[in-house]
Amino acid sequence: MKHEQARFFVLTGGPGSGKSAIIEALHEAGYARAPETGRAIIQDQVAIGGSALPWNNPALFAEVMLSWDIRSYREAQQSTETVFFDRGVVDVLGYLRLVGLPTPEHINQAVATFRYNQRVFIAPPWEEIFVTDHERKQDFATAVRTYEVMITAYGENGYELIELPRTSVDRRMRFVLERTGIVQL
C-alpha cells in the first residue's frame, strides 16, 4: 500500500446522510480534510453563470468534479497527515452511473490511479436528518439510490465499505477514528 493509501480515508454516501458534518467535526478536532467538491462547484458555477451544474450538464459537472478531486488528492500528498476526504474520485464514477451516463476511460484510469485507504466509510440514507437546500436538490429516493450506487462503485474497485452508524456526529466521528486506528477502542 502506498503511503497515500494508508492515510487517505474517504467518507461517501448519498446526499444528506451526514458525511460533511463528520468531516467538519474531524477538521475541528485537528485532522486534515478535503471538503466535498460537488457543493463548491455548484456554488461557483451558480455565482458565475456557468453550465457545469448537475441539472444543466451532468457530464461537464462530472468532469469538473474529477478535476477538483484529483487536485484535492494532489494537495493532500503534500503533507504527511492523515486526510479525510468528503467523497473521492470513485464518487465521480458512481455519479455517472447514477445519472445514466457512460463512463469515459479516463475516469476509470483516474479511479485506478488515485487510490485511497482500502477502508471507505459510507453514510447510510437517514431520512430524519435529510434536508434539501440551494445546492442539494435531490430527493430522499435519490439519496438512497446514490448510496446504493456508491456501494457498487467502491466495491467493484476493491474497497471495503464500513457503514457509519446512525448516531450523533461525535459518536460517528469517534467510530471513524477507532476504525482507522487513530484512536484506540
C-alpha atoms as a PDB file:
ATOM      1  CA  MET A   1       0.000   0.000   0.000  1.00  0.00           C
ATOM      2  CA  LYS A   2       1.370   3.400  -0.956  1.00  0.00           C
ATOM      3  CA  HIS A   3       1.817   5.986   1.779  1.00  0.00           C
ATOM      4  CA  GLU A   4      -1.207   7.924   0.472  1.00  0.00           C
ATOM      5  CA  GLN A   5      -3.403   4.876   0.541  1.00  0.00           C
ATOM      6  CA  ALA A   6      -2.588   4.253   4.182  1.00  0.00           C
ATOM      7  CA  ARG A   7      -3.512   7.766   5.321  1.00  0.00           C
ATOM      8  CA  PHE A   8      -6.246   8.873   2.872  1.00  0.00           C
ATOM      9  CA  PHE A   9      -9.709   7.958   4.185  1.00  0.00           C
ATOM     10  CA  VAL A  10     -12.908   8.568   2.227  1.00  0.00           C
ATOM     11  CA  LEU A  11     -16.359   9.200   3.635  1.00  0.00           C
ATOM     12  CA  THR A  12     -19.024   8.657   0.987  1.00  0.00           C
ATOM     13  CA  GLY A  13     -22.751   8.046   0.715  1.00  0.00           C
ATOM     14  CA  GLY A  14     -25.839   9.738  -0.537  1.00  0.00           C
ATOM     15  CA  PRO A  15     -26.630  13.410  -0.088  1.00  0.00           C
ATOM     16  CA  GLY A  16     -27.954  14.474   3.301  1.00  0.00           C
ATOM     17  CA  SER A  17     -26.545  11.482   5.191  1.00  0.00           C
ATOM     18  CA  GLY A  18     -24.264  13.472   7.487  1.00  0.00           C
ATOM     19  CA  LYS A  19     -20.890  12.959   5.773  1.00  0.00           C
ATOM     20  CA  SER A  20     -19.918  16.604   5.665  1.00  0.00           C
ATOM     21  CA  ALA A  21     -20.849  17.123   9.327  1.00  0.00           C
ATOM     22  CA  ILE A  22     -18.455  14.319  10.298  1.00  0.00           C
ATOM     23  CA  ILE A  23     -15.710  15.714   8.064  1.00  0.00           C
ATOM     24  CA  GLU A  24     -16.195  19.138   9.636  1.00  0.00           C
ATOM     25  CA  ALA A  25     -16.074  17.655  13.164  1.00  0.00           C
ATOM     26  CA  LEU A  26     -12.857  15.820  12.281  1.00  0.00           C
ATOM     27  CA  HIS A  27     -11.398  19.064  10.949  1.00  0.00           C
ATOM     28  CA  GLU A  28     -12.393  20.940  14.108  1.00  0.00           C
ATOM     29  CA  ALA A  29     -10.684  18.177  16.108  1.00  0.00           C
ATOM     30  CA  GLY A  30      -7.446  18.907  14.254  1.00  0.00           C
ATOM     31  CA  TYR A  31      -7.477  16.396  11.408  1.00  0.00           C
ATOM     32  CA  ALA A  32      -6.796  17.340   7.802  1.00  0.00           C
ATOM     33  CA  ARG A  33      -9.696  17.198   5.384  1.00  0.00           C
ATOM     34  CA  ALA A  34     -10.568  17.535   1.733  1.00  0.00           C
ATOM     35  CA  PRO A  35     -14.046  19.095   1.510  1.00  0.00           C
ATOM     36  CA  GLU A  36     -16.731  17.870  -0.858  1.00  0.00           C
ATOM     37  CA  THR A  37     -16.173  19.200  -4.354  1.00  0.00           C
ATOM     38  CA  GLY A  38     -19.729  18.953  -5.688  1.00  0.00           C
ATOM     39  CA  ARG A  39     -21.201  21.609  -3.433  1.00  0.00           C
ATOM     40  CA  ALA A  40     -18.330  24.028  -4.066  1.00  0.00           C
ATOM     41  CA  ILE A  41     -18.590  23.524  -7.817  1.00  0.00           C
ATOM     42  CA  ILE A  42     -22.321  24.212  -7.724  1.00  0.00           C
ATOM     43  CA  GLN A  43     -21.776  27.378  -5.684  1.00  0.00           C
ATOM     44  CA  ASP A  44     -19.065  28.615  -8.048  1.00  0.00           C
ATOM     45  CA  GLN A  45     -20.964  27.739 -11.226  1.00  0.00           C
ATOM     46  CA  VAL A  46     -24.114  29.480  -9.982  1.00  0.00           C
ATOM     47  CA  ALA A  47     -22.079  32.543  -8.991  1.00  0.00           C
ATOM     48  CA  ILE A  48     -20.517  32.865 -12.462  1.00  0.00           C
ATOM     49  CA  GLY A  49     -23.462  31.659 -14.531  1.00  0.00           C
ATOM     50  CA  GLY A  50     -21.540  28.529 -15.541  1.00  0.00           C
ATOM     51  CA  SER A  51     -23.010  25.424 -17.096  1.00  0.00           C
ATOM     52  CA  ALA A  52     -21.156  22.735 -15.098  1.00  0.00           C
ATOM     53  CA  LEU A  53     -24.224  22.058 -12.958  1.00  0.00           C
ATOM     54  CA  PRO A  54     -25.798  18.666 -12.357  1.00  0.00           C
ATOM     55  CA  TRP A  55     -29.184  19.888 -13.568  1.00  0.00           C
ATOM     56  CA  ASN A  56     -27.758  21.583 -16.709  1.00  0.00           C
ATOM     57  CA  ASN A  57     -24.844  19.474 -17.896  1.00  0.00           C
ATOM     58  CA  PRO A  58     -24.174  16.387 -15.747  1.00  0.00           C
ATOM     59  CA  ALA A  59     -21.272  15.199 -17.934  1.00  0.00           C
ATOM     60  CA  LEU A  60     -19.462  18.525 -17.575  1.00  0.00           C
ATOM     61  CA  PHE A  61     -20.268  18.578 -13.849  1.00  0.00           C
ATOM     62  CA  ALA A  62     -18.629  15.128 -13.536  1.00  0.00           C
ATOM     63  CA  GLU A  63     -15.514  16.302 -15.390  1.00  0.00           C
ATOM     64  CA  VAL A  64     -15.145  19.326 -13.138  1.00  0.00           C
ATOM     65  CA  MET A  65     -15.664  17.140 -10.055  1.00  0.00           C
ATOM     66  CA  LEU A  66     -12.957  14.777 -11.297  1.00  0.00           C
ATOM     67  CA  SER A  67     -10.536  17.675 -11.743  1.00  0.00           C
ATOM     68  CA  TRP A  68     -11.271  19.050  -8.279  1.00  0.00           C
ATOM     69  CA  ASP A  69     -11.000  15.595  -6.665  1.00  0.00           C
ATOM     70  CA  ILE A  70      -7.627  14.976  -8.316  1.00  0.00           C
ATOM     71  CA  ARG A  71      -6.451  18.411  -7.205  1.00  0.00           C
ATOM     72  CA  SER A  72      -7.576  17.650  -3.633  1.00  0.00           C
ATOM     73  CA  TYR A  73      -5.685  14.361  -3.767  1.00  0.00           C
ATOM     74  CA  ARG A  74      -2.527  16.080  -5.065  1.00  0.00           C
ATOM     75  CA  GLU A  75      -2.771  18.750  -2.348  1.00  0.00           C
ATOM     76  CA  ALA A  76      -3.125  16.059   0.312  1.00  0.00           C
ATOM     77  CA  GLN A  77       0.024  14.381  -0.989  1.00  0.00           C
ATOM     78  CA  GLN A  78       1.969  17.494   0.018  1.00  0.00           C
ATOM     79  CA  SER A  79       1.543  16.697   3.716  1.00  0.00           C
ATOM     80  CA  THR A  80       2.230  13.656   5.848  1.00  0.00           C
ATOM     81  CA  GLU A  81      -1.009  13.869   7.825  1.00  0.00           C
ATOM     82  CA  THR A  82      -3.981  11.554   7.772  1.00  0.00           C
ATOM     83  CA  VAL A  83      -6.565  13.159   5.497  1.00  0.00           C
ATOM     84  CA  PHE A  84     -10.321  12.625   5.497  1.00  0.00           C
ATOM     85  CA  PHE A  85     -11.940  13.119   2.098  1.00  0.00           C
ATOM     86  CA  ASP A  86     -15.580  14.142   1.760  1.00  0.00           C
ATOM     87  CA  ARG A  87     -16.059  11.836  -1.248  1.00  0.00           C
ATOM     88  CA  GLY A  88     -13.317  10.665  -3.590  1.00  0.00           C
ATOM     89  CA  VAL A  89     -12.549  10.048  -7.239  1.00  0.00           C
ATOM     90  CA  VAL A  90     -14.676   6.887  -7.188  1.00  0.00           C
ATOM     91  CA  ASP A  91     -17.698   9.062  -6.420  1.00  0.00           C
ATOM     92  CA  VAL A  92     -17.413  10.556  -9.915  1.00  0.00           C
ATOM     93  CA  LEU A  93     -17.775   7.063 -11.356  1.00  0.00           C
ATOM     94  CA  GLY A  94     -20.775   6.490  -9.092  1.00  0.00           C
ATOM     95  CA  TYR A  95     -22.317   9.809 -10.111  1.00  0.00           C
ATOM     96  CA  LEU A  96     -22.078   8.955 -13.815  1.00  0.00           C
ATOM     97  CA  ARG A  97     -23.799   5.637 -13.156  1.00  0.00           C
ATOM     98  CA  LEU A  98     -26.469   7.344 -11.071  1.00  0.00           C
ATOM     99  CA  VAL A  99     -27.371   9.750 -13.872  1.00  0.00           C
ATOM    100  CA  GLY A 100     -27.138   7.075 -16.564  1.00  0.00           C
ATOM    101  CA  LEU A 101     -24.117   8.415 -18.430  1.00  0.00           C
ATOM    102  CA  PRO A 102     -21.317   6.268 -19.864  1.00  0.00           C
ATOM    103  CA  THR A 103     -18.020   6.221 -18.031  1.00  0.00           C
ATOM    104  CA  PRO A 104     -15.167   7.576 -20.149  1.00  0.00           C
ATOM    105  CA  GLU A 105     -11.982   5.521 -19.957  1.00  0.00           C
ATOM    106  CA  HIS A 106     -10.019   8.380 -18.381  1.00  0.00           C
ATOM    107  CA  ILE A 107     -12.348   8.251 -15.370  1.00  0.00           C
ATOM    108  CA  ASN A 108     -11.702   4.520 -14.960  1.00  0.00           C
ATOM    109  CA  GLN A 109      -7.991   5.321 -15.190  1.00  0.00           C
ATOM    110  CA  ALA A 110      -8.336   8.035 -12.537  1.00  0.00           C
ATOM    111  CA  VAL A 111     -10.110   5.579 -10.217  1.00  0.00           C
ATOM    112  CA  ALA A 112      -7.226   3.120 -10.709  1.00  0.00           C
ATOM    113  CA  THR A 113      -4.537   5.788 -10.259  1.00  0.00           C
ATOM    114  CA  PHE A 114      -5.772   7.857  -7.313  1.00  0.00           C
ATOM    115  CA  ARG A 115      -6.228   5.251  -4.609  1.00  0.00           C
ATOM    116  CA  TYR A 116      -7.354   5.757  -1.027  1.00  0.00           C
ATOM    117  CA  ASN A 117      -7.206   3.579   2.050  1.00  0.00           C
ATOM    118  CA  GLN A 118      -8.982   0.305   1.385  1.00  0.00           C
ATOM    119  CA  ARG A 119     -11.410   1.088   4.199  1.00  0.00           C
ATOM    120  CA  VAL A 120     -14.050   3.523   2.990  1.00  0.00           C
ATOM    121  CA  PHE A 121     -16.724   4.843   5.322  1.00  0.00           C
ATOM    122  CA  ILE A 122     -20.222   5.056   3.885  1.00  0.00           C
ATOM    123  CA  ALA A 123     -23.036   7.025   5.461  1.00  0.00           C
ATOM    124  CA  PRO A 124     -26.377   5.270   5.004  1.00  0.00           C
ATOM    125  CA  PRO A 125     -29.512   7.136   3.965  1.00  0.00           C
ATOM    126  CA  TRP A 126     -31.049   8.714   7.038  1.00  0.00           C
ATOM    127  CA  GLU A 127     -34.407  10.337   6.421  1.00  0.00           C
ATOM    128  CA  GLU A 128     -34.558  12.001   9.846  1.00  0.00           C
ATOM    129  CA  ILE A 129     -31.570  14.236   9.051  1.00  0.00           C
ATOM    130  CA  PHE A 130     -32.071  14.569   5.291  1.00  0.00           C
ATOM    131  CA  VAL A 131     -32.769  18.112   4.051  1.00  0.00           C
ATOM    132  CA  THR A 132     -32.577  19.863   0.709  1.00  0.00           C
ATOM    133  CA  ASP A 133     -31.087  23.305   0.111  1.00  0.00           C
ATOM    134  CA  HIS A 134     -29.902  25.557  -2.736  1.00  0.00           C
ATOM    135  CA  GLU A 135     -27.160  23.138  -3.794  1.00  0.00           C
ATOM    136  CA  ARG A 136     -28.749  19.845  -2.707  1.00  0.00           C
ATOM    137  CA  LYS A 137     -31.860  19.488  -4.833  1.00  0.00           C
ATOM    138  CA  GLN A 138     -32.054  15.682  -4.757  1.00  0.00           C
ATOM    139  CA  ASP A 139     -34.966  13.994  -3.027  1.00  0.00           C
ATOM    140  CA  PHE A 140     -34.590  11.233  -0.458  1.00  0.00           C
ATOM    141  CA  ALA A 141     -35.179   8.487  -3.052  1.00  0.00           C
ATOM    142  CA  THR A 142     -32.187   9.833  -4.992  1.00  0.00           C
ATOM    143  CA  ALA A 143     -30.148   9.811  -1.785  1.00  0.00           C
ATOM    144  CA  VAL A 144     -30.967   6.114  -1.373  1.00  0.00           C
ATOM    145  CA  ARG A 145     -30.035   5.350  -4.997  1.00  0.00           C
ATOM    146  CA  THR A 146     -26.785   7.302  -4.588  1.00  0.00           C
ATOM    147  CA  TYR A 147     -25.905   5.210  -1.544  1.00  0.00           C
ATOM    148  CA  GLU A 148     -26.560   2.016  -3.492  1.00  0.00           C
ATOM    149  CA  VAL A 149     -24.503   3.183  -6.481  1.00  0.00           C
ATOM    150  CA  MET A 150     -21.577   4.118  -4.229  1.00  0.00           C
ATOM    151  CA  ILE A 151     -21.625   0.676  -2.595  1.00  0.00           C
ATOM    152  CA  THR A 152     -21.289  -0.885  -6.034  1.00  0.00           C
ATOM    153  CA  ALA A 153     -18.703   1.574  -7.396  1.00  0.00           C
ATOM    154  CA  TYR A 154     -16.395   1.319  -4.390  1.00  0.00           C
ATOM    155  CA  GLY A 155     -16.894  -2.435  -4.001  1.00  0.00           C
ATOM    156  CA  GLU A 156     -16.050  -3.107  -7.650  1.00  0.00           C
ATOM    157  CA  ASN A 157     -12.843  -1.153  -7.216  1.00  0.00           C
ATOM    158  CA  GLY A 158     -11.520  -3.157  -4.294  1.00  0.00           C
ATOM    159  CA  TYR A 159     -12.610  -1.034  -1.358  1.00  0.00           C
ATOM    160  CA  GLU A 160     -14.017  -2.382   1.902  1.00  0.00           C
ATOM    161  CA  LEU A 161     -17.089  -0.386   2.874  1.00  0.00           C
ATOM    162  CA  ILE A 162     -17.734   0.333   6.533  1.00  0.00           C
ATOM    163  CA  GLU A 163     -21.215   1.646   7.194  1.00  0.00           C
ATOM    164  CA  LEU A 164     -21.440   4.506   9.661  1.00  0.00           C
ATOM    165  CA  PRO A 165     -23.936   4.120  12.489  1.00  0.00           C
ATOM    166  CA  ARG A 166     -26.946   6.430  12.637  1.00  0.00           C
ATOM    167  CA  THR A 167     -25.994   8.307  15.768  1.00  0.00           C
ATOM    168  CA  SER A 168     -24.646  11.706  16.842  1.00  0.00           C
ATOM    169  CA  VAL A 169     -21.882  13.437  14.898  1.00  0.00           C
ATOM    170  CA  ASP A 170     -19.492  12.981  17.841  1.00  0.00           C
ATOM    171  CA  ARG A 171     -20.170   9.247  18.023  1.00  0.00           C
ATOM    172  CA  ARG A 172     -19.838   8.890  14.265  1.00  0.00           C
ATOM    173  CA  MET A 173     -16.524  10.759  14.390  1.00  0.00           C
ATOM    174  CA  ARG A 174     -15.289   8.504  17.187  1.00  0.00           C
ATOM    175  CA  PHE A 175     -16.406   5.448  15.162  1.00  0.00           C
ATOM    176  CA  VAL A 176     -14.320   6.655  12.198  1.00  0.00           C
ATOM    177  CA  LEU A 177     -11.273   7.381  14.337  1.00  0.00           C
ATOM    178  CA  GLU A 178     -11.497   3.972  16.015  1.00  0.00           C
ATOM    179  CA  ARG A 179     -11.885   2.100  12.711  1.00  0.00           C
ATOM    180  CA  THR A 180      -8.906   3.928  11.177  1.00  0.00           C
ATOM    181  CA  GLY A 181      -6.740   3.031  14.169  1.00  0.00           C
ATOM    182  CA  ILE A 182      -6.101   6.684  15.017  1.00  0.00           C
ATOM    183  CA  VAL A 183      -7.913   6.359  18.356  1.00  0.00           C
ATOM    184  CA  GLN A 184      -7.784   3.114  20.303  1.00  0.00           C
ATOM    185  CA  LEU A 185     -11.012   1.466  21.466  1.00  0.00           C
END
